[in-house]
Amino acid sequence: MSWVYATLLSAVCLGLYDLSTKHAVRDNAVLPVLFLANLCSALIWSALIAFDRVGPGMPPLFQVESLTGWQHAQLAFKSVLVGSSWMCTYFAIKHLPLSLASPIRATGPMWTLGGALLLLGERPSALEFVGVGLTLVSFVGLSLAGAREGIHFHRDKWIGWLVTGTLLGACSGLYDRFLLHGQGFTAAAVQAWFAIYLALFFLPIVLAWKFRLWPRHAFEWRWTIPLVSLGLLAADFLYFNALRDPDALVSLVSSMRRGSILVAFAGGIWLFGEKNVWQKLPAVLGVLAGIVLTLLG
């Protein structure tokens, strides 16, 4: 499977992940949702690692090689980076409409593109650059349409949380490229140990929540919590394998992966009754046009 198709499939899975996340955290405590969703991922990968070590072995795509202590530290750092990003974005998604939160999160490729140009020396073609630009402009237009719902960017603290989480996520995208190409990690190794360390990262935080070290909301188990885990596992597995392709550009992979906004946008209207559909539709069509231009490039 080429990196283009892997990225597009990752976008679909990521959109389903966004919808599951919104359902799981809506009027619910965020921290236990984060912990339990990541615990599901960690348990799945722990079982795969154990089966590979003591059983007949796993297919190459799912084999997790042994790592050095320094390599474990590198993946633990990725977990801290992503865990911090997710805490910001999950709290923001809880309080903001998904049709607004999703496009703001999707501006991540703009920051990833800048980092890729400055740090990695990537040079997209002219048509690819136009496609990325059109996609990002459309995201901005979609965000402005969402402002008609009474959420003012310069005053709303959850917008600040979302922007912070988006910037941290963009840093993670660049770090992924470094791990997979600069350090030679396999996609399975990154995803497996990242999931395990992420659950460990959230463990003391959720324990502090449980013992009421600060005021907290009540937690309710929802069936979408394991779907958060499964959607992200599928999306990340396809994403990491796309990045391992020597021809893949991290800026383009990050941009096309944000096609997940189309799934989240449609699902937000259908499942959560979100508003201002017609005002947001032109920007959504712009996202589609940007992705097509990127592929044609």
C-alpha atoms as a PDB file:
ATOM      1  CA  MET A   1       0.000   0.000   0.000  1.00  0.00           C
ATOM      2  CA  SER A   2       1.415   3.383  -1.036  1.00  0.00           C
ATOM      3  CA  TRP A   3       1.861   6.155   1.496  1.00  0.00           C
ATOM      4  CA  VAL A   4      -0.950   8.151  -0.160  1.00  0.00           C
ATOM      5  CA  TYR A   5      -3.603   5.470   0.323  1.00  0.00           C
ATOM      6  CA  ALA A   6      -2.332   4.655   3.805  1.00  0.00           C
ATOM      7  CA  THR A   7      -2.655   8.339   4.722  1.00  0.00           C
ATOM      8  CA  LEU A   8      -6.213   8.611   3.366  1.00  0.00           C
ATOM      9  CA  LEU A   9      -7.333   5.503   5.258  1.00  0.00           C
ATOM     10  CA  SER A  10      -5.673   6.968   8.343  1.00  0.00           C
ATOM     11  CA  ALA A  11      -7.760  10.129   7.844  1.00  0.00           C
ATOM     12  CA  VAL A  12     -11.006   8.127   7.838  1.00  0.00           C
ATOM     13  CA  CYS A  13     -10.020   6.288  11.025  1.00  0.00           C
ATOM     14  CA  LEU A  14      -8.988   9.581  12.613  1.00  0.00           C
ATOM     15  CA  GLY A  15     -12.385  11.089  11.838  1.00  0.00           C
ATOM     16  CA  LEU A  16     -14.103   8.142  13.536  1.00  0.00           C
ATOM     17  CA  TYR A  17     -11.719   8.627  16.463  1.00  0.00           C
ATOM     18  CA  ASP A  18     -12.788  12.297  16.745  1.00  0.00           C
ATOM     19  CA  LEU A  19     -16.461  11.320  16.810  1.00  0.00           C
ATOM     20  CA  SER A  20     -15.869   8.651  19.450  1.00  0.00           C
ATOM     21  CA  THR A  21     -13.848  11.126  21.534  1.00  0.00           C
ATOM     22  CA  LYS A  22     -16.604  13.746  21.428  1.00  0.00           C
ATOM     23  CA  HIS A  23     -19.200  11.194  22.529  1.00  0.00           C
ATOM     24  CA  ALA A  24     -16.953   9.816  25.280  1.00  0.00           C
ATOM     25  CA  VAL A  25     -16.088  13.180  26.882  1.00  0.00           C
ATOM     26  CA  ARG A  26     -19.393  15.005  26.347  1.00  0.00           C
ATOM     27  CA  ASP A  27     -20.691  15.877  29.832  1.00  0.00           C
ATOM     28  CA  ASN A  28     -18.193  13.401  31.262  1.00  0.00           C
ATOM     29  CA  ALA A  29     -14.914  13.466  33.213  1.00  0.00           C
ATOM     30  CA  VAL A  30     -12.022  13.770  30.733  1.00  0.00           C
ATOM     31  CA  LEU A  31      -9.071  12.256  32.606  1.00  0.00           C
ATOM     32  CA  PRO A  32     -10.506   8.757  33.192  1.00  0.00           C
ATOM     33  CA  VAL A  33     -11.629   8.679  29.545  1.00  0.00           C
ATOM     34  CA  LEU A  34      -8.064   9.469  28.465  1.00  0.00           C
ATOM     35  CA  PHE A  35      -6.588   6.855  30.784  1.00  0.00           C
ATOM     36  CA  LEU A  36      -9.021   4.030  29.938  1.00  0.00           C
ATOM     37  CA  ALA A  37      -8.833   4.633  26.184  1.00  0.00           C
ATOM     38  CA  ASN A  38      -5.042   4.531  26.266  1.00  0.00           C
ATOM     39  CA  LEU A  39      -5.051   1.571  28.634  1.00  0.00           C
ATOM     40  CA  CYS A  40      -7.000  -0.374  25.981  1.00  0.00           C
ATOM     41  CA  SER A  41      -4.311   0.472  23.405  1.00  0.00           C
ATOM     42  CA  ALA A  42      -1.507  -0.460  25.812  1.00  0.00           C
ATOM     43  CA  LEU A  43      -3.122  -3.819  26.644  1.00  0.00           C
ATOM     44  CA  ILE A  44      -3.595  -4.671  22.969  1.00  0.00           C
ATOM     45  CA  TRP A  45       0.039  -3.932  22.130  1.00  0.00           C
ATOM     46  CA  SER A  46       1.306  -5.674  25.276  1.00  0.00           C
ATOM     47  CA  ALA A  47      -0.591  -8.802  24.217  1.00  0.00           C
ATOM     48  CA  LEU A  48       0.862  -8.609  20.694  1.00  0.00           C
ATOM     49  CA  ILE A  49       4.403  -8.213  22.068  1.00  0.00           C
ATOM     50  CA  ALA A  50       3.937 -11.156  24.454  1.00  0.00           C
ATOM     51  CA  PHE A  51       2.492 -13.337  21.689  1.00  0.00           C
ATOM     52  CA  ASP A  52       5.409 -12.479  19.415  1.00  0.00           C
ATOM     53  CA  ARG A  53       7.961 -13.343  22.123  1.00  0.00           C
ATOM     54  CA  VAL A  54       6.504 -16.656  23.326  1.00  0.00           C
ATOM     55  CA  GLY A  55       4.280 -17.746  20.437  1.00  0.00           C
ATOM     56  CA  PRO A  56       4.886 -18.589  16.781  1.00  0.00           C
ATOM     57  CA  GLY A  57       5.630 -14.946  15.977  1.00  0.00           C
ATOM     58  CA  MET A  58       3.686 -12.081  14.416  1.00  0.00           C
ATOM     59  CA  PRO A  59       3.592 -10.885  10.789  1.00  0.00           C
ATOM     60  CA  PRO A  60       6.445  -8.442  10.057  1.00  0.00           C
ATOM     61  CA  LEU A  61       4.161  -5.379  10.192  1.00  0.00           C
ATOM     62  CA  PHE A  62       3.284  -6.183  13.834  1.00  0.00           C
ATOM     63  CA  GLN A  63       6.704  -7.313  15.052  1.00  0.00           C
ATOM     64  CA  VAL A  64       8.169  -5.109  17.797  1.00  0.00           C
ATOM     65  CA  GLU A  65      11.936  -5.415  17.994  1.00  0.00           C
ATOM     66  CA  SER A  66      13.909  -5.146  21.231  1.00  0.00           C
ATOM     67  CA  LEU A  67      15.037  -1.608  22.070  1.00  0.00           C
ATOM     68  CA  THR A  68      17.908  -0.087  24.008  1.00  0.00           C
ATOM     69  CA  GLY A  69      17.372   2.004  27.117  1.00  0.00           C
ATOM     70  CA  TRP A  70      18.002   5.186  25.130  1.00  0.00           C
ATOM     71  CA  GLN A  71      15.423   4.166  22.523  1.00  0.00           C
ATOM     72  CA  HIS A  72      12.862   3.549  25.273  1.00  0.00           C
ATOM     73  CA  ALA A  73      13.614   7.041  26.618  1.00  0.00           C
ATOM     74  CA  GLN A  74      13.011   8.536  23.163  1.00  0.00           C
ATOM     75  CA  LEU A  75       9.586   6.892  22.952  1.00  0.00           C
ATOM     76  CA  ALA A  76       8.760   7.854  26.539  1.00  0.00           C
ATOM     77  CA  PHE A  77       9.441  11.479  25.572  1.00  0.00           C
ATOM     78  CA  LYS A  78       7.026  11.137  22.643  1.00  0.00           C
ATOM     79  CA  SER A  79       4.383   9.884  25.092  1.00  0.00           C
ATOM     80  CA  VAL A  80       4.873  12.923  27.341  1.00  0.00           C
ATOM     81  CA  LEU A  81       4.617  15.229  24.324  1.00  0.00           C
ATOM     82  CA  VAL A  82       1.445  13.592  22.993  1.00  0.00           C
ATOM     83  CA  GLY A  83      -0.090  13.121  26.442  1.00  0.00           C
ATOM     84  CA  SER A  84       0.248  16.843  27.131  1.00  0.00           C
ATOM     85  CA  SER A  85      -1.263  17.633  23.728  1.00  0.00           C
ATOM     86  CA  TRP A  86      -4.218  15.301  24.306  1.00  0.00           C
ATOM     87  CA  MET A  87      -5.030  16.663  27.734  1.00  0.00           C
ATOM     88  CA  CYS A  88      -5.343  20.121  26.195  1.00  0.00           C
ATOM     89  CA  THR A  89      -7.379  18.985  23.185  1.00  0.00           C
ATOM     90  CA  TYR A  90      -9.702  16.573  25.039  1.00  0.00           C
ATOM     91  CA  PHE A  91     -10.754  19.253  27.523  1.00  0.00           C
ATOM     92  CA  ALA A  92     -11.298  21.667  24.631  1.00  0.00           C
ATOM     93  CA  ILE A  93     -13.323  19.136  22.604  1.00  0.00           C
ATOM     94  CA  LYS A  94     -15.539  18.584  25.634  1.00  0.00           C
ATOM     95  CA  HIS A  95     -16.490  22.266  25.743  1.00  0.00           C
ATOM     96  CA  LEU A  96     -16.444  23.222  22.028  1.00  0.00           C
ATOM     97  CA  PRO A  97     -18.569  22.099  19.046  1.00  0.00           C
ATOM     98  CA  LEU A  98     -16.762  19.368  17.095  1.00  0.00           C
ATOM     99  CA  SER A  99     -17.347  21.233  13.832  1.00  0.00           C
ATOM    100  CA  LEU A 100     -15.278  24.079  15.334  1.00  0.00           C
ATOM    101  CA  ALA A 101     -12.710  22.127  17.344  1.00  0.00           C
ATOM    102  CA  SER A 102     -11.842  19.754  14.504  1.00  0.00           C
ATOM    103  CA  PRO A 103     -10.790  22.471  12.023  1.00  0.00           C
ATOM    104  CA  ILE A 104      -8.706  24.300  14.608  1.00  0.00           C
ATOM    105  CA  ARG A 105      -6.894  21.063  15.409  1.00  0.00           C
ATOM    106  CA  ALA A 106      -6.475  20.591  11.678  1.00  0.00           C
ATOM    107  CA  THR A 107      -4.296  23.702  11.404  1.00  0.00           C
ATOM    108  CA  GLY A 108      -1.534  21.468  12.782  1.00  0.00           C
ATOM    109  CA  PRO A 109      -0.174  20.789   9.252  1.00  0.00           C
ATOM    110  CA  MET A 110       0.522  24.517   8.843  1.00  0.00           C
ATOM    111  CA  TRP A 111       2.923  24.334  11.777  1.00  0.00           C
ATOM    112  CA  THR A 112       4.247  20.932  10.702  1.00  0.00           C
ATOM    113  CA  LEU A 113       4.862  22.275   7.193  1.00  0.00           C
ATOM    114  CA  GLY A 114       6.845  25.194   8.580  1.00  0.00           C
ATOM    115  CA  GLY A 115       8.919  22.876  10.723  1.00  0.00           C
ATOM    116  CA  ALA A 116       9.476  20.447   7.858  1.00  0.00           C
ATOM    117  CA  LEU A 117      10.676  23.241   5.587  1.00  0.00           C
ATOM    118  CA  LEU A 118      12.983  24.719   8.211  1.00  0.00           C
ATOM    119  CA  LEU A 119      14.310  21.592   9.922  1.00  0.00           C
ATOM    120  CA  LEU A 120      13.967  18.698   7.464  1.00  0.00           C
ATOM    121  CA  GLY A 121      14.647  20.493   4.178  1.00  0.00           C
ATOM    122  CA  GLU A 122      11.472  19.158   2.523  1.00  0.00           C
ATOM    123  CA  ARG A 123      10.385  20.811  -0.724  1.00  0.00           C
ATOM    124  CA  PRO A 124       6.849  20.014  -1.905  1.00  0.00           C
ATOM    125  CA  SER A 125       6.041  20.617  -5.601  1.00  0.00           C
ATOM    126  CA  ALA A 126       4.221  23.809  -6.588  1.00  0.00           C
ATOM    127  CA  LEU A 127       0.873  22.009  -7.012  1.00  0.00           C
ATOM    128  CA  GLU A 128       1.286  20.190  -3.713  1.00  0.00           C
ATOM    129  CA  PHE A 129       2.102  23.474  -2.020  1.00  0.00           C
ATOM    130  CA  VAL A 130      -1.060  25.054  -3.483  1.00  0.00           C
ATOM    131  CA  GLY A 131      -3.077  22.058  -2.280  1.00  0.00           C
ATOM    132  CA  VAL A 132      -1.715  22.357   1.247  1.00  0.00           C
ATOM    133  CA  GLY A 133      -2.316  26.115   1.238  1.00  0.00           C
ATOM    134  CA  LEU A 134      -5.894  25.775   0.018  1.00  0.00           C
ATOM    135  CA  THR A 135      -6.588  23.121   2.637  1.00  0.00           C
ATOM    136  CA  LEU A 136      -5.264  25.315   5.427  1.00  0.00           C
ATOM    137  CA  VAL A 137      -7.132  28.408   4.222  1.00  0.00           C
ATOM    138  CA  SER A 138     -10.308  26.328   4.165  1.00  0.00           C
ATOM    139  CA  PHE A 139      -9.666  25.251   7.741  1.00  0.00           C
ATOM    140  CA  VAL A 140      -9.420  28.897   8.758  1.00  0.00           C
ATOM    141  CA  GLY A 141     -12.676  29.706   6.947  1.00  0.00           C
ATOM    142  CA  LEU A 142     -14.396  26.831   8.704  1.00  0.00           C
ATOM    143  CA  SER A 143     -13.168  28.083  12.049  1.00  0.00           C
ATOM    144  CA  LEU A 144     -14.478  31.602  11.340  1.00  0.00           C
ATOM    145  CA  ALA A 145     -17.879  30.173  10.438  1.00  0.00           C
ATOM    146  CA  GLY A 146     -17.907  28.380  13.766  1.00  0.00           C
ATOM    147  CA  ALA A 147     -17.348  31.692  15.525  1.00  0.00           C
ATOM    148  CA  ARG A 148     -20.928  32.594  14.625  1.00  0.00           C
ATOM    149  CA  GLU A 149     -21.972  30.157  17.315  1.00  0.00           C
ATOM    150  CA  GLY A 150     -20.898  32.708  19.917  1.00  0.00           C
ATOM    151  CA  ILE A 151     -17.367  31.427  20.640  1.00  0.00           C
ATOM    152  CA  HIS A 152     -14.905  34.329  20.569  1.00  0.00           C
ATOM    153  CA  PHE A 153     -11.364  33.203  19.909  1.00  0.00           C
ATOM    154  CA  HIS A 154      -9.630  35.963  21.846  1.00  0.00           C
ATOM    155  CA  ARG A 155     -11.665  35.403  25.037  1.00  0.00           C
ATOM    156  CA  ASP A 156     -12.507  31.706  25.194  1.00  0.00           C
ATOM    157  CA  LYS A 157      -9.997  29.761  27.309  1.00  0.00           C
ATOM    158  CA  TRP A 158     -10.844  26.481  25.556  1.00  0.00           C
ATOM    159  CA  ILE A 159      -9.661  27.949  22.262  1.00  0.00           C
ATOM    160  CA  GLY A 160      -6.334  28.626  23.995  1.00  0.00           C
ATOM    161  CA  TRP A 161      -6.203  25.045  25.255  1.00  0.00           C
ATOM    162  CA  LEU A 162      -6.978  23.768  21.762  1.00  0.00           C
ATOM    163  CA  VAL A 163      -4.299  25.919  20.131  1.00  0.00           C
ATOM    164  CA  THR A 164      -1.731  24.744  22.695  1.00  0.00           C
ATOM    165  CA  GLY A 165      -2.662  21.117  22.084  1.00  0.00           C
ATOM    166  CA  THR A 166      -2.458  21.659  18.306  1.00  0.00           C
ATOM    167  CA  LEU A 167       1.043  23.142  18.532  1.00  0.00           C
ATOM    168  CA  LEU A 168       2.231  20.258  20.696  1.00  0.00           C
ATOM    169  CA  GLY A 169       0.683  17.848  18.185  1.00  0.00           C
ATOM    170  CA  ALA A 170       2.585  19.534  15.349  1.00  0.00           C
ATOM    171  CA  CYS A 171       5.833  19.073  17.280  1.00  0.00           C
ATOM    172  CA  SER A 172       4.936  15.400  17.674  1.00  0.00           C
ATOM    173  CA  GLY A 173       4.497  15.086  13.896  1.00  0.00           C
ATOM    174  CA  LEU A 174       8.041  16.316  13.308  1.00  0.00           C
ATOM    175  CA  TYR A 175       9.350  14.064  16.067  1.00  0.00           C
ATOM    176  CA  ASP A 176       7.638  11.067  14.427  1.00  0.00           C
ATOM    177  CA  ARG A 177       9.573  11.716  11.224  1.00  0.00           C
ATOM    178  CA  PHE A 178      12.799  11.931  13.223  1.00  0.00           C
ATOM    179  CA  LEU A 179      12.114   8.627  14.986  1.00  0.00           C
ATOM    180  CA  LEU A 180      11.048   6.706  11.884  1.00  0.00           C
ATOM    181  CA  HIS A 181      13.725   7.981   9.509  1.00  0.00           C
ATOM    182  CA  GLY A 182      16.474   9.575  11.546  1.00  0.00           C
ATOM    183  CA  GLN A 183      16.551   6.867  14.226  1.00  0.00           C
ATOM    184  CA  GLY A 184      15.305   3.869  12.211  1.00  0.00           C
ATOM    185  CA  PHE A 185      12.389   2.833  14.427  1.00  0.00           C
ATOM    186  CA  THR A 186       9.740   0.581  12.914  1.00  0.00           C
ATOM    187  CA  ALA A 187       6.130   1.771  12.929  1.00  0.00           C
ATOM    188  CA  ALA A 188       5.109  -1.107  15.208  1.00  0.00           C
ATOM    189  CA  ALA A 189       7.820  -0.305  17.775  1.00  0.00           C
ATOM    190  CA  VAL A 190       6.861   3.366  17.923  1.00  0.00           C
ATOM    191  CA  GLN A 191       3.155   2.667  18.235  1.00  0.00           C
ATOM    192  CA  ALA A 192       3.488  -0.184  20.749  1.00  0.00           C
ATOM    193  CA  TRP A 193       5.818   1.450  23.254  1.00  0.00           C
ATOM    194  CA  PHE A 194       4.258   4.871  22.759  1.00  0.00           C
ATOM    195  CA  ALA A 195       0.874   3.388  23.755  1.00  0.00           C
ATOM    196  CA  ILE A 196       2.351   1.636  26.802  1.00  0.00           C
ATOM    197  CA  TYR A 197       4.233   4.704  28.027  1.00  0.00           C
ATOM    198  CA  LEU A 198       1.195   6.902  27.380  1.00  0.00           C
ATOM    199  CA  ALA A 199      -0.928   4.756  29.720  1.00  0.00           C
ATOM    200  CA  LEU A 200       1.819   5.055  32.345  1.00  0.00           C
ATOM    201  CA  PHE A 201       1.909   8.829  31.799  1.00  0.00           C
ATOM    202  CA  PHE A 202      -1.826   9.122  32.522  1.00  0.00           C
ATOM    203  CA  LEU A 203      -1.839   6.682  35.478  1.00  0.00           C
ATOM    204  CA  PRO A 204      -0.655   9.094  38.239  1.00  0.00           C
ATOM    205  CA  ILE A 205      -2.846  11.869  36.781  1.00  0.00           C
ATOM    206  CA  VAL A 206      -6.003   9.742  36.881  1.00  0.00           C
ATOM    207  CA  LEU A 207      -5.133   8.533  40.395  1.00  0.00           C
ATOM    208  CA  ALA A 208      -4.885  12.152  41.506  1.00  0.00           C
ATOM    209  CA  TRP A 209      -8.297  12.726  39.898  1.00  0.00           C
ATOM    210  CA  LYS A 210      -9.761   9.691  41.692  1.00  0.00           C
ATOM    211  CA  PHE A 211      -8.534  10.806  45.108  1.00  0.00           C
ATOM    212  CA  ARG A 212     -10.007  14.266  44.504  1.00  0.00           C
ATOM    213  CA  LEU A 213      -6.828  16.316  44.642  1.00  0.00           C
ATOM    214  CA  TRP A 214      -8.828  18.943  42.744  1.00  0.00           C
ATOM    215  CA  PRO A 215     -12.555  19.526  42.038  1.00  0.00           C
ATOM    216  CA  ARG A 216     -13.735  17.045  39.433  1.00  0.00           C
ATOM    217  CA  HIS A 217     -16.696  15.930  37.374  1.00  0.00           C
ATOM    218  CA  ALA A 218     -18.359  12.533  37.703  1.00  0.00           C
ATOM    219  CA  PHE A 219     -17.273   9.746  35.359  1.00  0.00           C
ATOM    220  CA  GLU A 220     -19.663   7.576  33.348  1.00  0.00           C
ATOM    221  CA  TRP A 221     -18.504   4.538  31.341  1.00  0.00           C
ATOM    222  CA  ARG A 222     -19.485   4.777  27.676  1.00  0.00           C
ATOM    223  CA  TRP A 223     -19.155   2.231  24.885  1.00  0.00           C
ATOM    224  CA  THR A 224     -17.266   4.751  22.751  1.00  0.00           C
ATOM    225  CA  ILE A 225     -14.257   4.724  25.103  1.00  0.00           C
ATOM    226  CA  PRO A 226     -12.780   1.512  23.592  1.00  0.00           C
ATOM    227  CA  LEU A 227     -13.697   2.869  20.134  1.00  0.00           C
ATOM    228  CA  VAL A 228     -11.459   5.872  20.876  1.00  0.00           C
ATOM    229  CA  SER A 229      -8.612   3.407  21.360  1.00  0.00           C
ATOM    230  CA  LEU A 230      -9.376   1.249  18.318  1.00  0.00           C
ATOM    231  CA  GLY A 231      -9.869   4.231  16.008  1.00  0.00           C
ATOM    232  CA  LEU A 232      -6.572   5.753  17.046  1.00  0.00           C
ATOM    233  CA  LEU A 233      -4.709   2.439  16.815  1.00  0.00           C
ATOM    234  CA  ALA A 234      -5.834   1.971  13.217  1.00  0.00           C
ATOM    235  CA  ALA A 235      -5.208   5.632  12.295  1.00  0.00           C
ATOM    236  CA  ASP A 236      -1.713   5.710  13.819  1.00  0.00           C
ATOM    237  CA  PHE A 237      -0.676   2.333  12.402  1.00  0.00           C
ATOM    238  CA  LEU A 238      -1.498   3.517   8.874  1.00  0.00           C
ATOM    239  CA  TYR A 239       0.086   6.921   9.574  1.00  0.00           C
ATOM    240  CA  PHE A 240       3.382   5.547  10.888  1.00  0.00           C
ATOM    241  CA  ASN A 241       3.680   3.150   7.944  1.00  0.00           C
ATOM    242  CA  ALA A 242       3.012   6.029   5.527  1.00  0.00           C
ATOM    243  CA  LEU A 243       5.815   8.046   7.142  1.00  0.00           C
ATOM    244  CA  ARG A 244       8.224   5.129   6.749  1.00  0.00           C
ATOM    245  CA  ASP A 245       7.869   5.289   2.956  1.00  0.00           C
ATOM    246  CA  PRO A 246      11.032   6.984   1.624  1.00  0.00           C
ATOM    247  CA  ASP A 247       8.923   9.004  -0.836  1.00  0.00           C
ATOM    248  CA  ALA A 248       6.553  10.356   1.822  1.00  0.00           C
ATOM    249  CA  LEU A 249       6.770  14.014   2.855  1.00  0.00           C
ATOM    250  CA  VAL A 250       5.755  14.673   6.437  1.00  0.00           C
ATOM    251  CA  SER A 251       4.126  17.985   5.504  1.00  0.00           C
ATOM    252  CA  LEU A 252       1.860  16.320   2.925  1.00  0.00           C
ATOM    253  CA  VAL A 253       1.077  13.305   5.084  1.00  0.00           C
ATOM    254  CA  SER A 254       0.061  15.626   7.922  1.00  0.00           C
ATOM    255  CA  SER A 255      -2.118  17.740   5.624  1.00  0.00           C
ATOM    256  CA  MET A 256      -3.931  14.842   3.925  1.00  0.00           C
ATOM    257  CA  ARG A 257      -4.441  13.110   7.252  1.00  0.00           C
ATOM    258  CA  ARG A 258      -6.493  16.112   8.321  1.00  0.00           C
ATOM    259  CA  GLY A 259      -9.070  15.060   5.749  1.00  0.00           C
ATOM    260  CA  SER A 260     -10.497  13.441   8.881  1.00  0.00           C
ATOM    261  CA  ILE A 261     -12.305  16.746   9.367  1.00  0.00           C
ATOM    262  CA  LEU A 262     -14.793  15.676   6.669  1.00  0.00           C
ATOM    263  CA  VAL A 263     -15.800  12.623   8.686  1.00  0.00           C
ATOM    264  CA  ALA A 264     -15.925  14.641  11.924  1.00  0.00           C
ATOM    265  CA  PHE A 265     -17.903  17.447  10.277  1.00  0.00           C
ATOM    266  CA  ALA A 266     -20.585  15.130   8.886  1.00  0.00           C
ATOM    267  CA  GLY A 267     -20.752  13.113  12.087  1.00  0.00           C
ATOM    268  CA  GLY A 268     -20.974  16.228  14.258  1.00  0.00           C
ATOM    269  CA  ILE A 269     -24.044  17.380  12.330  1.00  0.00           C
ATOM    270  CA  TRP A 270     -25.691  13.956  12.201  1.00  0.00           C
ATOM    271  CA  LEU A 271     -24.919  12.704  15.716  1.00  0.00           C
ATOM    272  CA  PHE A 272     -24.683  15.904  17.766  1.00  0.00           C
ATOM    273  CA  GLY A 273     -26.984  18.282  15.861  1.00  0.00           C
ATOM    274  CA  GLU A 274     -24.327  20.969  15.379  1.00  0.00           C
ATOM    275  CA  LYS A 275     -25.299  24.235  13.681  1.00  0.00           C
ATOM    276  CA  ASN A 276     -24.265  26.625  10.897  1.00  0.00           C
ATOM    277  CA  VAL A 277     -23.989  23.831   8.331  1.00  0.00           C
ATOM    278  CA  TRP A 278     -24.378  25.980   5.219  1.00  0.00           C
ATOM    279  CA  GLN A 279     -21.920  28.597   6.448  1.00  0.00           C
ATOM    280  CA  LYS A 280     -19.301  25.886   6.952  1.00  0.00           C
ATOM    281  CA  LEU A 281     -19.972  23.928   3.758  1.00  0.00           C
ATOM    282  CA  PRO A 282     -17.849  26.117   1.378  1.00  0.00           C
ATOM    283  CA  ALA A 283     -14.817  25.623   3.605  1.00  0.00           C
ATOM    284  CA  VAL A 284     -15.448  21.869   3.705  1.00  0.00           C
ATOM    285  CA  LEU A 285     -15.492  21.805  -0.115  1.00  0.00           C
ATOM    286  CA  GLY A 286     -12.233  23.751  -0.021  1.00  0.00           C
ATOM    287  CA  VAL A 287     -10.724  20.985   2.110  1.00  0.00           C
ATOM    288  CA  LEU A 288     -11.751  18.437  -0.536  1.00  0.00           C
ATOM    289  CA  ALA A 289     -10.238  20.570  -3.314  1.00  0.00           C
ATOM    290  CA  GLY A 290      -6.996  20.968  -1.381  1.00  0.00           C
ATOM    291  CA  ILE A 291      -6.667  17.210  -0.869  1.00  0.00           C
ATOM    292  CA  VAL A 292      -7.299  16.571  -4.599  1.00  0.00           C
ATOM    293  CA  LEU A 293      -4.617  19.097  -5.579  1.00  0.00           C
ATOM    294  CA  THR A 294      -2.199  17.514  -3.133  1.00  0.00           C
ATOM    295  CA  LEU A 295      -2.778  14.078  -4.691  1.00  0.00           C
ATOM    296  CA  LEU A 296      -2.450  15.430  -8.246  1.00  0.00           C
ATOM    297  CA  GLY A 297       0.880  16.987  -7.321  1.00  0.00           C
END
